[in-house]
C-alpha atoms as a PDB file:
ATOM      1  CA  MET A   1      -0.015   0.007   0.039  1.00  0.00           C
ATOM      2  CA  THR A   2       1.482   3.374  -1.058  1.00  0.00           C
ATOM      3  CA  ALA A   3       0.739   6.217   1.382  1.00  0.00           C
ATOM      4  CA  THR A   4      -0.530   9.284  -0.401  1.00  0.00           C
ATOM      5  CA  ALA A   5      -1.597  11.330   2.630  1.00  0.00           C
ATOM      6  CA  THR A   6      -1.166  11.364   6.405  1.00  0.00           C
ATOM      7  CA  PHE A   7      -4.153  11.986   8.584  1.00  0.00           C
ATOM      8  CA  HIS A   8      -2.643  12.960  11.886  1.00  0.00           C
ATOM      9  CA  ASP A   9      -5.902  12.565  13.916  1.00  0.00           C
ATOM     10  CA  LEU A  10      -6.001   8.877  13.026  1.00  0.00           C
ATOM     11  CA  LYS A  11      -2.851   8.165  15.080  1.00  0.00           C
ATOM     12  CA  ASP A  12      -3.859   6.008  18.013  1.00  0.00           C
ATOM     13  CA  ALA A  13      -7.528   6.142  16.975  1.00  0.00           C
ATOM     14  CA  SER A  14      -9.558   3.041  17.880  1.00  0.00           C
ATOM     15  CA  VAL A  15     -10.751   1.481  14.620  1.00  0.00           C
ATOM     16  CA  TYR A  16     -13.038  -1.510  14.093  1.00  0.00           C
ATOM     17  CA  ILE A  17     -13.373  -3.124  10.632  1.00  0.00           C
ATOM     18  CA  THR A  18     -15.675  -5.958   9.640  1.00  0.00           C
ATOM     19  CA  GLY A  19     -13.950  -8.461   7.315  1.00  0.00           C
ATOM     20  CA  GLY A  20     -10.600  -6.764   7.969  1.00  0.00           C
ATOM     21  CA  GLY A  21      -8.482  -9.801   7.275  1.00  0.00           C
ATOM     22  CA  SER A  22      -9.025 -10.450   3.627  1.00  0.00           C
ATOM     23  CA  GLY A  23      -9.755  -8.706   0.350  1.00  0.00           C
ATOM     24  CA  ILE A  24     -10.246  -4.950   0.527  1.00  0.00           C
ATOM     25  CA  GLY A  25     -10.755  -5.342   4.278  1.00  0.00           C
ATOM     26  CA  ALA A  26      -7.137  -6.476   4.643  1.00  0.00           C
ATOM     27  CA  ASP A  27      -5.944  -3.375   2.687  1.00  0.00           C
ATOM     28  CA  LEU A  28      -8.143  -1.209   5.007  1.00  0.00           C
ATOM     29  CA  THR A  29      -6.432  -2.724   8.077  1.00  0.00           C
ATOM     30  CA  ASP A  30      -3.045  -2.139   6.474  1.00  0.00           C
ATOM     31  CA  GLY A  31      -3.976   1.447   5.616  1.00  0.00           C
ATOM     32  CA  PHE A  32      -5.174   2.372   9.084  1.00  0.00           C
ATOM     33  CA  LEU A  33      -2.174   0.733  10.734  1.00  0.00           C
ATOM     34  CA  GLY A  34      -0.033   2.820   8.408  1.00  0.00           C
ATOM     35  CA  GLN A  35      -1.696   5.915   9.882  1.00  0.00           C
ATOM     36  CA  GLY A  36      -0.772   4.730  13.367  1.00  0.00           C
ATOM     37  CA  ALA A  37      -4.312   3.674  14.318  1.00  0.00           C
ATOM     38  CA  LYS A  38      -5.172   0.849  16.683  1.00  0.00           C
ATOM     39  CA  VAL A  39      -7.132  -1.581  14.587  1.00  0.00           C
ATOM     40  CA  ALA A  40      -9.435  -4.459  15.525  1.00  0.00           C
ATOM     41  CA  PHE A  41     -11.263  -6.586  12.970  1.00  0.00           C
ATOM     42  CA  ILE A  42     -13.734  -9.431  12.859  1.00  0.00           C
ATOM     43  CA  GLY A  43     -13.484 -12.248  10.330  1.00  0.00           C
ATOM     44  CA  ARG A  44     -14.677 -15.857  10.041  1.00  0.00           C
ATOM     45  CA  SER A  45     -11.414 -17.403   8.860  1.00  0.00           C
ATOM     46  CA  ASP A  46      -8.199 -17.655  10.767  1.00  0.00           C
ATOM     47  CA  ALA A  47      -6.097 -14.525  10.075  1.00  0.00           C
ATOM     48  CA  SER A  48      -3.042 -15.308  12.172  1.00  0.00           C
ATOM     49  CA  ASP A  49      -0.579 -15.110   9.259  1.00  0.00           C
ATOM     50  CA  PHE A  50      -1.998 -11.735   8.191  1.00  0.00           C
ATOM     51  CA  VAL A  51      -1.740 -10.412  11.755  1.00  0.00           C
ATOM     52  CA  ASP A  52       1.872 -11.480  11.895  1.00  0.00           C
ATOM     53  CA  ALA A  53       2.589  -9.854   8.558  1.00  0.00           C
ATOM     54  CA  MET A  54       1.016  -6.584   9.680  1.00  0.00           C
ATOM     55  CA  ALA A  55       2.964  -6.646  12.950  1.00  0.00           C
ATOM     56  CA  GLU A  56       6.237  -7.087  11.040  1.00  0.00           C
ATOM     57  CA  LYS A  57       5.347  -4.303   8.625  1.00  0.00           C
ATOM     58  CA  HIS A  58       3.989  -1.703  11.046  1.00  0.00           C
ATOM     59  CA  GLY A  59       5.532  -2.624  14.362  1.00  0.00           C
ATOM     60  CA  ARG A  60       2.034  -3.124  15.867  1.00  0.00           C
ATOM     61  CA  ALA A  61      -0.416  -5.967  15.364  1.00  0.00           C
ATOM     62  CA  PRO A  62      -4.118  -5.578  14.582  1.00  0.00           C
ATOM     63  CA  LEU A  63      -6.482  -7.318  16.996  1.00  0.00           C
ATOM     64  CA  PHE A  64      -8.086 -10.257  15.266  1.00  0.00           C
ATOM     65  CA  LEU A  65     -11.458 -11.250  16.684  1.00  0.00           C
ATOM     66  CA  GLN A  66     -12.783 -14.420  15.007  1.00  0.00           C
ATOM     67  CA  GLY A  67     -16.525 -14.515  14.393  1.00  0.00           C
ATOM     68  CA  ASP A  68     -19.408 -14.292  11.998  1.00  0.00           C
ATOM     69  CA  ILE A  69     -21.023 -10.855  11.585  1.00  0.00           C
ATOM     70  CA  THR A  70     -24.412 -12.457  11.108  1.00  0.00           C
ATOM     71  CA  ASP A  71     -24.157 -13.705  14.733  1.00  0.00           C
ATOM     72  CA  THR A  72     -25.256 -10.463  16.336  1.00  0.00           C
ATOM     73  CA  ASP A  73     -24.319 -11.510  19.879  1.00  0.00           C
ATOM     74  CA  ARG A  74     -20.756 -12.369  18.719  1.00  0.00           C
ATOM     75  CA  LEU A  75     -20.569  -9.133  16.709  1.00  0.00           C
ATOM     76  CA  ARG A  76     -21.536  -7.103  19.779  1.00  0.00           C
ATOM     77  CA  ALA A  77     -19.035  -9.072  21.889  1.00  0.00           C
ATOM     78  CA  THR A  78     -16.173  -8.329  19.476  1.00  0.00           C
ATOM     79  CA  VAL A  79     -16.933  -4.641  19.532  1.00  0.00           C
ATOM     80  CA  ALA A  80     -16.774  -4.771  23.332  1.00  0.00           C
ATOM     81  CA  GLU A  81     -13.440  -6.638  23.112  1.00  0.00           C
ATOM     82  CA  ALA A  82     -12.045  -4.046  20.738  1.00  0.00           C
ATOM     83  CA  ALA A  83     -13.078  -1.249  23.110  1.00  0.00           C
ATOM     84  CA  GLU A  84     -11.527  -3.017  26.055  1.00  0.00           C
ATOM     85  CA  ALA A  85      -8.210  -3.373  24.166  1.00  0.00           C
ATOM     86  CA  HIS A  86      -8.032  -0.027  22.330  1.00  0.00           C
ATOM     87  CA  GLY A  87     -10.589   2.278  23.945  1.00  0.00           C
ATOM     88  CA  PRO A  88     -14.123   2.975  22.675  1.00  0.00           C
ATOM     89  CA  VAL A  89     -14.396   2.565  18.916  1.00  0.00           C
ATOM     90  CA  GLN A  90     -13.922   5.922  17.207  1.00  0.00           C
ATOM     91  CA  VAL A  91     -14.126   4.652  13.622  1.00  0.00           C
ATOM     92  CA  LEU A  92     -16.329   1.803  12.376  1.00  0.00           C
ATOM     93  CA  VAL A  93     -15.830   0.520   8.874  1.00  0.00           C
ATOM     94  CA  SER A  94     -18.540  -2.035   7.871  1.00  0.00           C
ATOM     95  CA  ASN A  95     -16.853  -3.605   4.899  1.00  0.00           C
ATOM     96  CA  ALA A  96     -17.746  -7.332   4.973  1.00  0.00           C
ATOM     97  CA  ALA A  97     -20.160  -8.423   2.288  1.00  0.00           C
ATOM     98  CA  ASN A  98     -21.084 -11.301   0.008  1.00  0.00           C
ATOM     99  CA  ASP A  99     -21.692 -10.569  -3.646  1.00  0.00           C
ATOM    100  CA  LYS A 100     -22.481 -14.145  -4.494  1.00  0.00           C
ATOM    101  CA  ARG A 101     -24.205 -14.424  -7.884  1.00  0.00           C
ATOM    102  CA  HIS A 102     -27.707 -15.958  -7.833  1.00  0.00           C
ATOM    103  CA  ASN A 103     -30.787 -16.471  -9.966  1.00  0.00           C
ATOM    104  CA  TRP A 104     -33.673 -14.540  -8.432  1.00  0.00           C
ATOM    105  CA  LEU A 105     -36.230 -17.090  -9.829  1.00  0.00           C
ATOM    106  CA  GLU A 106     -34.487 -19.895  -7.894  1.00  0.00           C
ATOM    107  CA  LEU A 107     -33.607 -17.919  -4.726  1.00  0.00           C
ATOM    108  CA  THR A 108     -35.164 -19.448  -1.570  1.00  0.00           C
ATOM    109  CA  PRO A 109     -36.372 -17.437   1.410  1.00  0.00           C
ATOM    110  CA  GLU A 110     -33.579 -18.978   3.461  1.00  0.00           C
ATOM    111  CA  GLU A 111     -30.938 -17.808   0.920  1.00  0.00           C
ATOM    112  CA  TRP A 112     -32.511 -14.343   0.800  1.00  0.00           C
ATOM    113  CA  ASP A 113     -32.367 -14.041   4.593  1.00  0.00           C
ATOM    114  CA  SER A 114     -28.756 -15.273   4.642  1.00  0.00           C
ATOM    115  CA  LEU A 115     -27.597 -12.791   2.068  1.00  0.00           C
ATOM    116  CA  LEU A 116     -29.411  -9.860   3.710  1.00  0.00           C
ATOM    117  CA  ALA A 117     -28.026 -10.860   7.077  1.00  0.00           C
ATOM    118  CA  VAL A 118     -24.449 -10.378   5.785  1.00  0.00           C
ATOM    119  CA  ASN A 119     -25.066  -7.449   3.460  1.00  0.00           C
ATOM    120  CA  LEU A 120     -27.494  -5.269   5.463  1.00  0.00           C
ATOM    121  CA  LYS A 121     -28.500  -6.536   8.904  1.00  0.00           C
ATOM    122  CA  ALA A 122     -24.914  -6.656  10.241  1.00  0.00           C
ATOM    123  CA  TYR A 123     -24.368  -3.082   9.192  1.00  0.00           C
ATOM    124  CA  LEU A 124     -27.132  -1.835  11.412  1.00  0.00           C
ATOM    125  CA  PHE A 125     -26.089  -3.897  14.435  1.00  0.00           C
ATOM    126  CA  ALA A 126     -22.447  -2.942  14.098  1.00  0.00           C
ATOM    127  CA  ALA A 127     -23.422   0.698  14.142  1.00  0.00           C
ATOM    128  CA  GLN A 128     -25.723   0.028  17.136  1.00  0.00           C
ATOM    129  CA  ALA A 129     -22.847  -1.598  18.961  1.00  0.00           C
ATOM    130  CA  VAL A 130     -20.405   1.255  18.586  1.00  0.00           C
ATOM    131  CA  ALA A 131     -22.925   4.071  19.079  1.00  0.00           C
ATOM    132  CA  PRO A 132     -22.914   4.267  22.884  1.00  0.00           C
ATOM    133  CA  GLY A 133     -19.170   4.803  23.020  1.00  0.00           C
ATOM    134  CA  MET A 134     -19.283   7.370  20.268  1.00  0.00           C
ATOM    135  CA  ILE A 135     -22.232   9.183  21.925  1.00  0.00           C
ATOM    136  CA  SER A 136     -20.317   9.356  25.214  1.00  0.00           C
ATOM    137  CA  ALA A 137     -17.308  10.786  23.366  1.00  0.00           C
ATOM    138  CA  GLY A 138     -19.380  13.233  21.331  1.00  0.00           C
ATOM    139  CA  ALA A 139     -17.709  12.168  18.121  1.00  0.00           C
ATOM    140  CA  GLY A 140     -17.183   9.255  15.780  1.00  0.00           C
ATOM    141  CA  SER A 141     -17.151   8.178  12.130  1.00  0.00           C
ATOM    142  CA  ILE A 142     -19.196   5.267  10.755  1.00  0.00           C
ATOM    143  CA  ILE A 143     -18.438   4.205   7.196  1.00  0.00           C
ATOM    144  CA  ASN A 144     -20.757   1.676   5.427  1.00  0.00           C
ATOM    145  CA  PHE A 145     -19.600   0.022   2.251  1.00  0.00           C
ATOM    146  CA  SER A 146     -22.271   0.120  -0.449  1.00  0.00           C
ATOM    147  CA  SER A 147     -21.657  -0.436  -4.182  1.00  0.00           C
ATOM    148  CA  ILE A 148     -22.370   1.120  -7.539  1.00  0.00           C
ATOM    149  CA  SER A 149     -23.995  -2.173  -8.572  1.00  0.00           C
ATOM    150  CA  TYR A 150     -27.463  -1.043  -7.475  1.00  0.00           C
ATOM    151  CA  MET A 151     -27.047   2.336  -9.097  1.00  0.00           C
ATOM    152  CA  MET A 152     -26.259   0.610 -12.392  1.00  0.00           C
ATOM    153  CA  GLY A 153     -29.178  -1.783 -12.022  1.00  0.00           C
ATOM    154  CA  ASN A 154     -26.885  -4.752 -12.403  1.00  0.00           C
ATOM    155  CA  ALA A 155     -28.437  -8.191 -12.935  1.00  0.00           C
ATOM    156  CA  GLY A 156     -27.215 -11.459 -11.483  1.00  0.00           C
ATOM    157  CA  TYR A 157     -27.356 -10.712  -7.724  1.00  0.00           C
ATOM    158  CA  PRO A 158     -30.574  -8.862  -6.761  1.00  0.00           C
ATOM    159  CA  ALA A 159     -30.219  -9.611  -2.992  1.00  0.00           C
ATOM    160  CA  TYR A 160     -26.869  -7.928  -3.055  1.00  0.00           C
ATOM    161  CA  THR A 161     -28.105  -4.866  -4.966  1.00  0.00           C
ATOM    162  CA  ALA A 162     -31.169  -4.616  -2.744  1.00  0.00           C
ATOM    163  CA  ALA A 163     -28.908  -4.644   0.301  1.00  0.00           C
ATOM    164  CA  ASN A 164     -26.643  -1.963  -1.068  1.00  0.00           C
ATOM    165  CA  GLY A 165     -29.528   0.306  -1.843  1.00  0.00           C
ATOM    166  CA  GLY A 166     -30.675  -0.276   1.754  1.00  0.00           C
ATOM    167  CA  ILE A 167     -27.227   0.531   3.070  1.00  0.00           C
ATOM    168  CA  THR A 168     -27.239   3.907   1.417  1.00  0.00           C
ATOM    169  CA  ALA A 169     -30.735   4.676   2.637  1.00  0.00           C
ATOM    170  CA  MET A 170     -29.929   3.485   6.185  1.00  0.00           C
ATOM    171  CA  THR A 171     -26.759   5.563   6.185  1.00  0.00           C
ATOM    172  CA  ARG A 172     -28.776   8.739   5.556  1.00  0.00           C
ATOM    173  CA  SER A 173     -31.207   7.884   8.342  1.00  0.00           C
ATOM    174  CA  LEU A 174     -28.430   7.096  10.804  1.00  0.00           C
ATOM    175  CA  ALA A 175     -26.714  10.349   9.971  1.00  0.00           C
ATOM    176  CA  ARG A 176     -29.844  12.140  11.148  1.00  0.00           C
ATOM    177  CA  GLU A 177     -30.128   9.907  14.239  1.00  0.00           C
ATOM    178  CA  LEU A 178     -26.490  10.386  15.349  1.00  0.00           C
ATOM    179  CA  GLY A 179     -25.664  13.820  14.010  1.00  0.00           C
ATOM    180  CA  PRO A 180     -26.767  15.669  17.188  1.00  0.00           C
ATOM    181  CA  ASP A 181     -24.167  13.587  19.055  1.00  0.00           C
ATOM    182  CA  GLY A 182     -21.354  14.695  16.755  1.00  0.00           C
ATOM    183  CA  ILE A 183     -21.231  11.292  14.948  1.00  0.00           C
ATOM    184  CA  ARG A 184     -20.872  11.201  11.216  1.00  0.00           C
ATOM    185  CA  VAL A 185     -22.288   8.373   9.122  1.00  0.00           C
ATOM    186  CA  ASN A 186     -21.369   8.005   5.458  1.00  0.00           C
ATOM    187  CA  ALA A 187     -21.403   5.322   2.790  1.00  0.00           C
ATOM    188  CA  LEU A 188     -18.740   4.455   0.221  1.00  0.00           C
ATOM    189  CA  ALA A 189     -19.766   2.983  -3.154  1.00  0.00           C
ATOM    190  CA  PRO A 190     -16.798   1.428  -4.917  1.00  0.00           C
ATOM    191  CA  GLY A 191     -16.760   0.524  -8.584  1.00  0.00           C
ATOM    192  CA  TRP A 192     -15.172  -2.680  -9.858  1.00  0.00           C
ATOM    193  CA  VAL A 193     -12.013  -3.066  -7.742  1.00  0.00           C
ATOM    194  CA  LEU A 194      -9.668  -5.721  -9.098  1.00  0.00           C
ATOM    195  CA  THR A 195      -9.073  -7.843  -6.002  1.00  0.00           C
ATOM    196  CA  GLU A 196      -7.791 -11.413  -6.208  1.00  0.00           C
ATOM    197  CA  LYS A 197     -11.333 -12.674  -5.729  1.00  0.00           C
ATOM    198  CA  GLN A 198     -12.704 -10.600  -8.609  1.00  0.00           C
ATOM    199  CA  LEU A 199      -9.844 -11.637 -10.909  1.00  0.00           C
ATOM    200  CA  GLU A 200     -10.342 -15.302  -9.980  1.00  0.00           C
ATOM    201  CA  LYS A 201     -14.106 -15.500 -10.261  1.00  0.00           C
ATOM    202  CA  TRP A 202     -15.615 -12.915 -12.564  1.00  0.00           C
ATOM    203  CA  ALA A 203     -13.040 -10.705 -14.335  1.00  0.00           C
ATOM    204  CA  THR A 204     -13.024 -11.951 -17.894  1.00  0.00           C
ATOM    205  CA  PRO A 205     -11.034 -10.007 -20.501  1.00  0.00           C
ATOM    206  CA  GLU A 206     -14.279  -9.102 -22.232  1.00  0.00           C
ATOM    207  CA  GLY A 207     -15.934  -7.997 -18.999  1.00  0.00           C
ATOM    208  CA  LEU A 208     -12.982  -5.899 -17.973  1.00  0.00           C
ATOM    209  CA  ALA A 209     -12.819  -4.175 -21.361  1.00  0.00           C
ATOM    210  CA  ALA A 210     -16.527  -3.441 -21.321  1.00  0.00           C
ATOM    211  CA  HIS A 211     -16.408  -1.987 -17.821  1.00  0.00           C
ATOM    212  CA  LEU A 212     -13.353   0.145 -18.573  1.00  0.00           C
ATOM    213  CA  ASP A 213     -15.185   1.531 -21.532  1.00  0.00           C
ATOM    214  CA  ARG A 214     -17.908   2.777 -19.135  1.00  0.00           C
ATOM    215  CA  GLN A 215     -15.343   4.555 -16.953  1.00  0.00           C
ATOM    216  CA  CYS A 216     -14.280   8.168 -17.579  1.00  0.00           C
ATOM    217  CA  LEU A 217     -10.862   7.326 -16.217  1.00  0.00           C
ATOM    218  CA  LYS A 218      -9.365   4.516 -18.312  1.00  0.00           C
ATOM    219  CA  THR A 219      -7.556   2.788 -15.428  1.00  0.00           C
ATOM    220  CA  HIS A 220      -8.850  -0.100 -13.360  1.00  0.00           C
ATOM    221  CA  LEU A 221      -9.500   0.573  -9.684  1.00  0.00           C
ATOM    222  CA  GLU A 222      -7.089  -0.798  -7.121  1.00  0.00           C
ATOM    223  CA  PRO A 223      -7.631  -1.411  -3.414  1.00  0.00           C
ATOM    224  CA  ARG A 224      -5.569   1.687  -2.525  1.00  0.00           C
ATOM    225  CA  ASP A 225      -8.116   3.875  -4.284  1.00  0.00           C
ATOM    226  CA  ILE A 226     -10.742   2.671  -1.800  1.00  0.00           C
ATOM    227  CA  VAL A 227      -8.443   2.756   1.209  1.00  0.00           C
ATOM    228  CA  ASP A 228      -7.531   6.454   0.581  1.00  0.00           C
ATOM    229  CA  ALA A 229     -11.192   7.431   0.381  1.00  0.00           C
ATOM    230  CA  VAL A 230     -12.004   5.567   3.599  1.00  0.00           C
ATOM    231  CA  LEU A 231      -9.134   7.236   5.475  1.00  0.00           C
ATOM    232  CA  PHE A 232     -10.414  10.596   4.355  1.00  0.00           C
ATOM    233  CA  MET A 233     -13.942   9.784   5.546  1.00  0.00           C
ATOM    234  CA  ALA A 234     -12.648   8.514   8.851  1.00  0.00           C
ATOM    235  CA  SER A 235     -10.526  11.576   9.527  1.00  0.00           C
ATOM    236  CA  ALA A 236     -11.701  14.925  10.818  1.00  0.00           C
ATOM    237  CA  THR A 237     -10.527  16.232   7.460  1.00  0.00           C
ATOM    238  CA  SER A 238     -14.099  15.353   6.370  1.00  0.00           C
ATOM    239  CA  ARG A 239     -15.607  16.686   9.665  1.00  0.00           C
ATOM    240  CA  MET A 240     -18.666  18.324   7.997  1.00  0.00           C
ATOM    241  CA  MET A 241     -19.388  15.426   5.652  1.00  0.00           C
ATOM    242  CA  THR A 242     -22.241  13.124   6.777  1.00  0.00           C
ATOM    243  CA  GLY A 243     -25.244  11.347   5.275  1.00  0.00           C
ATOM    244  CA  GLN A 244     -23.375  11.073   1.986  1.00  0.00           C
ATOM    245  CA  CYS A 245     -22.644   8.220  -0.409  1.00  0.00           C
ATOM    246  CA  LEU A 246     -19.148   8.768  -1.864  1.00  0.00           C
ATOM    247  CA  VAL A 247     -18.729   7.032  -5.234  1.00  0.00           C
ATOM    248  CA  VAL A 248     -15.189   5.858  -6.150  1.00  0.00           C
ATOM    249  CA  ASP A 249     -15.590   4.160  -9.529  1.00  0.00           C
ATOM    250  CA  GLY A 250     -13.472   5.950 -12.123  1.00  0.00           C
ATOM    251  CA  GLY A 251     -16.531   7.733 -13.411  1.00  0.00           C
ATOM    252  CA  VAL A 252     -19.092   5.044 -14.235  1.00  0.00           C
ATOM    253  CA  VAL A 253     -22.128   6.481 -12.453  1.00  0.00           C
ATOM    254  CA  THR A 254     -23.018  10.088 -11.649  1.00  0.00           C
ATOM    255  CA  THR A 255     -24.613  11.351  -8.431  1.00  0.00           C
ATOM    256  CA  GLY A 256     -26.201  14.600  -7.344  1.00  0.00           C
END
């Protein structure tokens, strides 16, 4: 990860990231550690090797809390553990998601509930878990990952696009709920970021070329493009920004 800016107020900040041990989440953990933050993250799979690598790189290890974000009791417990270790959470990044492709005609109610539990429900309860500490402090930043997929009306994963539309709407409502307490709530909608998962599962040469043709900027997005935006939204540099959905997609969709 190449540092392009230093946000001095993030040094020693208590940061909690969902899915912070893999994919873009791992890059977020790396990015916040690079700013000197104290990072805790929840993930289902063992992340010991990643924790060791981050400790070697930054001289401090992130706190890995194993769990499933759809288990609300465990999610709440890990937020409490993070607060115990690093102080009350000042920055929440709800990043974990599942963009599994599915045929809506064959989707079962159980599959729908499972996908919405990951992609929407956990976002609300993560915010609920960090809110008391932020309210006591009179400040905080909550960043919810959405996606341009619902803005584009993409086919192939309607539960995912429905959840992302819901994330943006919920973000605006929570900004109203928490604004009087000095807490900012924003969403980030990335475009097609070429992670290892995307390259392995869905990024065909034809698909990549077609998507690049839609972009104003003719360069594929990399994880650092998303990390830099999140650091900005977490920092007091964006102190009067709330209730917004920031799109980082190279210019595929337009907002406003």
